[in-house]
Amino acid sequence: MRLELDAGFEASFKKRPKDIIARIAKAVALFQENPLHPSLHFKPSAKRNGAYSIRVTQGYRILLLKKSDDHFILLRCCNHDDYERLF
């Protein structure tokens, strides 16, 4: 699995609390290992073609853009309210 980091992801990652940063890192590692792991709740966006999300916690999501079956761009990590508004 090839992952790229968008500048927006890096900026949003740095703004999160330390415990959430650790959970984000764990979710990204798990996604690379097994994108279909049930705890990630990997799913396509209903609003944006090619966009997907994975769950970090009940309150946080990572937004991704699919470039190919094994290539994603990490766009942003955000709280669930922002996720609902954006995607």
C-alpha atoms as a PDB file:
ATOM      1  CA  MET A   1       0.000   0.000   0.000  1.00  0.00           C
ATOM      2  CA  ARG A   2       1.388   3.372  -1.022  1.00  0.00           C
ATOM      3  CA  LEU A   3       0.339   6.372   1.065  1.00  0.00           C
ATOM      4  CA  GLU A   4       1.115  10.018   0.414  1.00  0.00           C
ATOM      5  CA  LEU A   5       0.638  12.804   2.912  1.00  0.00           C
ATOM      6  CA  ASP A   6      -1.136  15.930   1.727  1.00  0.00           C
ATOM      7  CA  ALA A   7      -0.020  19.185   3.362  1.00  0.00           C
ATOM      8  CA  GLY A   8      -3.532  19.505   4.818  1.00  0.00           C
ATOM      9  CA  PHE A   9      -3.130  16.142   6.542  1.00  0.00           C
ATOM     10  CA  GLU A  10       0.158  17.124   8.108  1.00  0.00           C
ATOM     11  CA  ALA A  11      -1.270  20.431   9.364  1.00  0.00           C
ATOM     12  CA  SER A  12      -4.414  18.828  10.788  1.00  0.00           C
ATOM     13  CA  PHE A  13      -2.397  15.982  12.343  1.00  0.00           C
ATOM     14  CA  LYS A  14      -0.172  18.382  14.294  1.00  0.00           C
ATOM     15  CA  LYS A  15      -3.188  20.178  15.799  1.00  0.00           C
ATOM     16  CA  ARG A  16      -4.625  17.065  17.473  1.00  0.00           C
ATOM     17  CA  PRO A  17      -4.147  16.099  21.117  1.00  0.00           C
ATOM     18  CA  LYS A  18      -1.268  13.687  21.784  1.00  0.00           C
ATOM     19  CA  ASP A  19      -3.558  10.747  22.517  1.00  0.00           C
ATOM     20  CA  ILE A  20      -5.367  11.271  19.197  1.00  0.00           C
ATOM     21  CA  ILE A  21      -2.048  11.603  17.333  1.00  0.00           C
ATOM     22  CA  ALA A  22      -1.079   8.170  18.644  1.00  0.00           C
ATOM     23  CA  ARG A  23      -4.434   6.727  17.546  1.00  0.00           C
ATOM     24  CA  ILE A  24      -4.071   8.324  14.096  1.00  0.00           C
ATOM     25  CA  ALA A  25      -0.623   6.770  13.686  1.00  0.00           C
ATOM     26  CA  LYS A  26      -2.008   3.389  14.741  1.00  0.00           C
ATOM     27  CA  ALA A  27      -4.929   3.640  12.287  1.00  0.00           C
ATOM     28  CA  VAL A  28      -2.611   4.588   9.409  1.00  0.00           C
ATOM     29  CA  ALA A  29      -0.296   1.650  10.183  1.00  0.00           C
ATOM     30  CA  LEU A  30      -3.259  -0.714  10.351  1.00  0.00           C
ATOM     31  CA  PHE A  31      -4.628   0.653   7.083  1.00  0.00           C
ATOM     32  CA  GLN A  32      -1.302  -0.041   5.376  1.00  0.00           C
ATOM     33  CA  GLU A  33      -1.296  -3.568   6.756  1.00  0.00           C
ATOM     34  CA  ASN A  34      -4.972  -4.389   6.183  1.00  0.00           C
ATOM     35  CA  PRO A  35      -7.226  -1.683   4.692  1.00  0.00           C
ATOM     36  CA  LEU A  36     -10.292  -3.836   5.252  1.00  0.00           C
ATOM     37  CA  HIS A  37      -9.720  -4.374   8.976  1.00  0.00           C
ATOM     38  CA  PRO A  38     -13.174  -4.054  10.578  1.00  0.00           C
ATOM     39  CA  SER A  39     -12.061  -1.512  13.189  1.00  0.00           C
ATOM     40  CA  LEU A  40     -11.185   1.016  10.465  1.00  0.00           C
ATOM     41  CA  HIS A  41     -14.698   1.184   8.994  1.00  0.00           C
ATOM     42  CA  PHE A  42     -13.093   1.971   5.620  1.00  0.00           C
ATOM     43  CA  LYS A  43     -15.799   3.396   3.370  1.00  0.00           C
ATOM     44  CA  PRO A  44     -16.329   5.640   0.360  1.00  0.00           C
ATOM     45  CA  SER A  45     -17.662   9.156   0.671  1.00  0.00           C
ATOM     46  CA  ALA A  46     -21.289   9.662  -0.276  1.00  0.00           C
ATOM     47  CA  LYS A  47     -20.540  13.220  -1.409  1.00  0.00           C
ATOM     48  CA  ARG A  48     -17.146  13.052  -3.158  1.00  0.00           C
ATOM     49  CA  ASN A  49     -16.130  10.631  -5.861  1.00  0.00           C
ATOM     50  CA  GLY A  50     -12.812   8.926  -5.073  1.00  0.00           C
ATOM     51  CA  ALA A  51     -12.807  10.040  -1.428  1.00  0.00           C
ATOM     52  CA  TYR A  52     -12.795   7.546   1.430  1.00  0.00           C
ATOM     53  CA  SER A  53     -12.597   7.607   5.200  1.00  0.00           C
ATOM     54  CA  ILE A  54     -11.226   5.448   7.971  1.00  0.00           C
ATOM     55  CA  ARG A  55     -12.165   5.657  11.618  1.00  0.00           C
ATOM     56  CA  VAL A  56      -9.592   6.667  14.205  1.00  0.00           C
ATOM     57  CA  THR A  57     -12.037   6.870  17.128  1.00  0.00           C
ATOM     58  CA  GLN A  58     -15.756   7.443  17.291  1.00  0.00           C
ATOM     59  CA  GLY A  59     -15.012  11.151  17.191  1.00  0.00           C
ATOM     60  CA  TYR A  60     -12.190  11.319  14.602  1.00  0.00           C
ATOM     61  CA  ARG A  61     -11.790  10.281  10.957  1.00  0.00           C
ATOM     62  CA  ILE A  62      -8.986  10.240   8.399  1.00  0.00           C
ATOM     63  CA  LEU A  63     -10.025  11.359   4.936  1.00  0.00           C
ATOM     64  CA  LEU A  64      -8.297   9.790   1.945  1.00  0.00           C
ATOM     65  CA  LEU A  65      -8.293  10.153  -1.816  1.00  0.00           C
ATOM     66  CA  LYS A  66      -7.975   6.956  -3.836  1.00  0.00           C
ATOM     67  CA  LYS A  67      -5.459   7.189  -6.682  1.00  0.00           C
ATOM     68  CA  SER A  68      -5.479   3.443  -7.443  1.00  0.00           C
ATOM     69  CA  ASP A  69      -6.286   0.210  -5.619  1.00  0.00           C
ATOM     70  CA  ASP A  70      -3.019   0.379  -3.689  1.00  0.00           C
ATOM     71  CA  HIS A  71      -2.316   4.125  -3.673  1.00  0.00           C
ATOM     72  CA  PHE A  72      -4.064   6.670  -1.424  1.00  0.00           C
ATOM     73  CA  ILE A  73      -3.420  10.270  -0.436  1.00  0.00           C
ATOM     74  CA  LEU A  74      -4.102  11.113   3.212  1.00  0.00           C
ATOM     75  CA  LEU A  75      -5.990  14.398   2.994  1.00  0.00           C
ATOM     76  CA  ARG A  76      -6.967  15.321   6.509  1.00  0.00           C
ATOM     77  CA  CYS A  77      -7.690  14.050   9.994  1.00  0.00           C
ATOM     78  CA  CYS A  78     -10.710  15.733  11.475  1.00  0.00           C
ATOM     79  CA  ASN A  79     -13.404  15.402  14.073  1.00  0.00           C
ATOM     80  CA  HIS A  80     -16.632  13.687  13.139  1.00  0.00           C
ATOM     81  CA  ASP A  81     -18.598  16.921  12.738  1.00  0.00           C
ATOM     82  CA  ASP A  82     -16.093  18.266  10.189  1.00  0.00           C
ATOM     83  CA  TYR A  83     -16.107  14.900   8.455  1.00  0.00           C
ATOM     84  CA  GLU A  84     -19.892  15.009   8.087  1.00  0.00           C
ATOM     85  CA  ARG A  85     -19.734  18.554   6.743  1.00  0.00           C
ATOM     86  CA  LEU A  86     -16.881  17.910   4.300  1.00  0.00           C
ATOM     87  CA  PHE A  87     -17.514  14.369   3.167  1.00  0.00           C
END
